[in-house]
Amino acid sequence: MIELVDDSEQHRGHGGYNPAGESHFSLRIESPAFAGKNRVERQRMIYAALGDLMRERVHALSIRASAPGEE
């Protein structure tokens, strides 16, 4: 399960805001790949998958990552 919300408009006038949008996001993701991993390990996996997008396009990303069966 992946749920990605563009929160950019909520940050109008704040640092990193891009008038074109796509600068601030909230991500909720569930994957068996996260089983046995702590919060930091999960975030590192996500950042690695996003690659250059995190350095060039995305200013802020709020992450809620879980394995199946976790809340």
C-alpha atoms as a PDB file:
ATOM      1  CA  MET A   1       0.000   0.000   0.000  1.00  0.00           C
ATOM      2  CA  ILE A   2       1.293   3.453  -0.933  1.00  0.00           C
ATOM      3  CA  GLU A   3      -0.399   6.755  -0.190  1.00  0.00           C
ATOM      4  CA  LEU A   4       1.385   9.918  -1.318  1.00  0.00           C
ATOM      5  CA  VAL A   5      -0.067  13.368  -0.640  1.00  0.00           C
ATOM      6  CA  ASP A   6       1.310  16.609  -2.107  1.00  0.00           C
ATOM      7  CA  ASP A   7       1.245  19.039   0.848  1.00  0.00           C
ATOM      8  CA  SER A   8       3.054  21.806  -1.044  1.00  0.00           C
ATOM      9  CA  GLU A   9       0.227  24.369  -0.911  1.00  0.00           C
ATOM     10  CA  GLN A  10       0.186  24.153   2.886  1.00  0.00           C
ATOM     11  CA  HIS A  11       3.757  25.492   2.836  1.00  0.00           C
ATOM     12  CA  ARG A  12       3.224  28.539   0.612  1.00  0.00           C
ATOM     13  CA  GLY A  13       5.640  31.238   1.759  1.00  0.00           C
ATOM     14  CA  HIS A  14       7.822  28.794   3.727  1.00  0.00           C
ATOM     15  CA  GLY A  15      11.364  27.734   2.917  1.00  0.00           C
ATOM     16  CA  GLY A  16      11.646  25.296   0.059  1.00  0.00           C
ATOM     17  CA  TYR A  17       8.178  26.105  -1.308  1.00  0.00           C
ATOM     18  CA  ASN A  18       7.983  25.747  -5.080  1.00  0.00           C
ATOM     19  CA  PRO A  19       5.097  27.561  -6.832  1.00  0.00           C
ATOM     20  CA  ALA A  20       4.987  24.690  -9.337  1.00  0.00           C
ATOM     21  CA  GLY A  21       4.125  22.327  -6.455  1.00  0.00           C
ATOM     22  CA  GLU A  22       5.693  18.991  -5.684  1.00  0.00           C
ATOM     23  CA  SER A  23       8.011  20.264  -2.957  1.00  0.00           C
ATOM     24  CA  HIS A  24       6.421  18.949   0.274  1.00  0.00           C
ATOM     25  CA  PHE A  25       4.925  15.461   0.618  1.00  0.00           C
ATOM     26  CA  SER A  26       3.453  13.035   3.133  1.00  0.00           C
ATOM     27  CA  LEU A  27       4.076   9.365   2.412  1.00  0.00           C
ATOM     28  CA  ARG A  28       2.369   6.386   4.003  1.00  0.00           C
ATOM     29  CA  ILE A  29       3.763   3.074   2.783  1.00  0.00           C
ATOM     30  CA  GLU A  30       3.358  -0.535   3.850  1.00  0.00           C
ATOM     31  CA  SER A  31       5.668  -3.252   2.573  1.00  0.00           C
ATOM     32  CA  PRO A  32       6.918  -6.671   3.686  1.00  0.00           C
ATOM     33  CA  ALA A  33      10.419  -5.310   2.939  1.00  0.00           C
ATOM     34  CA  PHE A  34      10.149  -3.234   6.137  1.00  0.00           C
ATOM     35  CA  ALA A  35       9.696  -6.267   8.421  1.00  0.00           C
ATOM     36  CA  GLY A  36      12.429  -6.404  11.049  1.00  0.00           C
ATOM     37  CA  LYS A  37      13.728  -2.941  10.116  1.00  0.00           C
ATOM     38  CA  ASN A  38      13.721   0.052  12.453  1.00  0.00           C
ATOM     39  CA  ARG A  39      12.414   3.515  11.516  1.00  0.00           C
ATOM     40  CA  VAL A  40      15.787   4.814  10.321  1.00  0.00           C
ATOM     41  CA  GLU A  41      16.476   1.734   8.180  1.00  0.00           C
ATOM     42  CA  ARG A  42      13.049   2.074   6.573  1.00  0.00           C
ATOM     43  CA  GLN A  43      13.593   5.752   5.817  1.00  0.00           C
ATOM     44  CA  ARG A  44      16.994   4.999   4.288  1.00  0.00           C
ATOM     45  CA  MET A  45      15.384   2.413   2.019  1.00  0.00           C
ATOM     46  CA  ILE A  46      12.827   4.972   0.843  1.00  0.00           C
ATOM     47  CA  TYR A  47      15.420   7.710   0.296  1.00  0.00           C
ATOM     48  CA  ALA A  48      17.576   5.264  -1.692  1.00  0.00           C
ATOM     49  CA  ALA A  49      14.603   4.374  -3.894  1.00  0.00           C
ATOM     50  CA  LEU A  50      13.849   8.060  -4.530  1.00  0.00           C
ATOM     51  CA  GLY A  51      17.469   8.840  -5.390  1.00  0.00           C
ATOM     52  CA  ASP A  52      18.031  12.236  -7.015  1.00  0.00           C
ATOM     53  CA  LEU A  53      14.415  13.326  -6.484  1.00  0.00           C
ATOM     54  CA  MET A  54      15.227  13.947  -2.820  1.00  0.00           C
ATOM     55  CA  ARG A  55      18.218  16.108  -3.672  1.00  0.00           C
ATOM     56  CA  GLU A  56      16.766  18.013  -6.611  1.00  0.00           C
ATOM     57  CA  ARG A  57      12.955  18.232  -6.366  1.00  0.00           C
ATOM     58  CA  VAL A  58      11.587  17.328  -2.935  1.00  0.00           C
ATOM     59  CA  HIS A  59      12.173  19.770  -0.093  1.00  0.00           C
ATOM     60  CA  ALA A  60      10.333  17.873   2.663  1.00  0.00           C
ATOM     61  CA  LEU A  61       9.019  14.323   2.997  1.00  0.00           C
ATOM     62  CA  SER A  62       7.067  13.087   6.000  1.00  0.00           C
ATOM     63  CA  ILE A  63       7.291   9.280   6.110  1.00  0.00           C
ATOM     64  CA  ARG A  64       5.106   6.710   7.840  1.00  0.00           C
ATOM     65  CA  ALA A  65       6.477   3.286   6.857  1.00  0.00           C
ATOM     66  CA  SER A  66       5.245  -0.028   8.212  1.00  0.00           C
ATOM     67  CA  ALA A  67       5.344  -3.752   7.583  1.00  0.00           C
ATOM     68  CA  PRO A  68       2.054  -5.640   7.099  1.00  0.00           C
ATOM     69  CA  GLY A  69       0.254  -6.121  10.402  1.00  0.00           C
ATOM     70  CA  GLU A  70       1.917  -3.152  12.091  1.00  0.00           C
ATOM     71  CA  GLU A  71      -0.030  -0.044  12.993  1.00  0.00           C
END
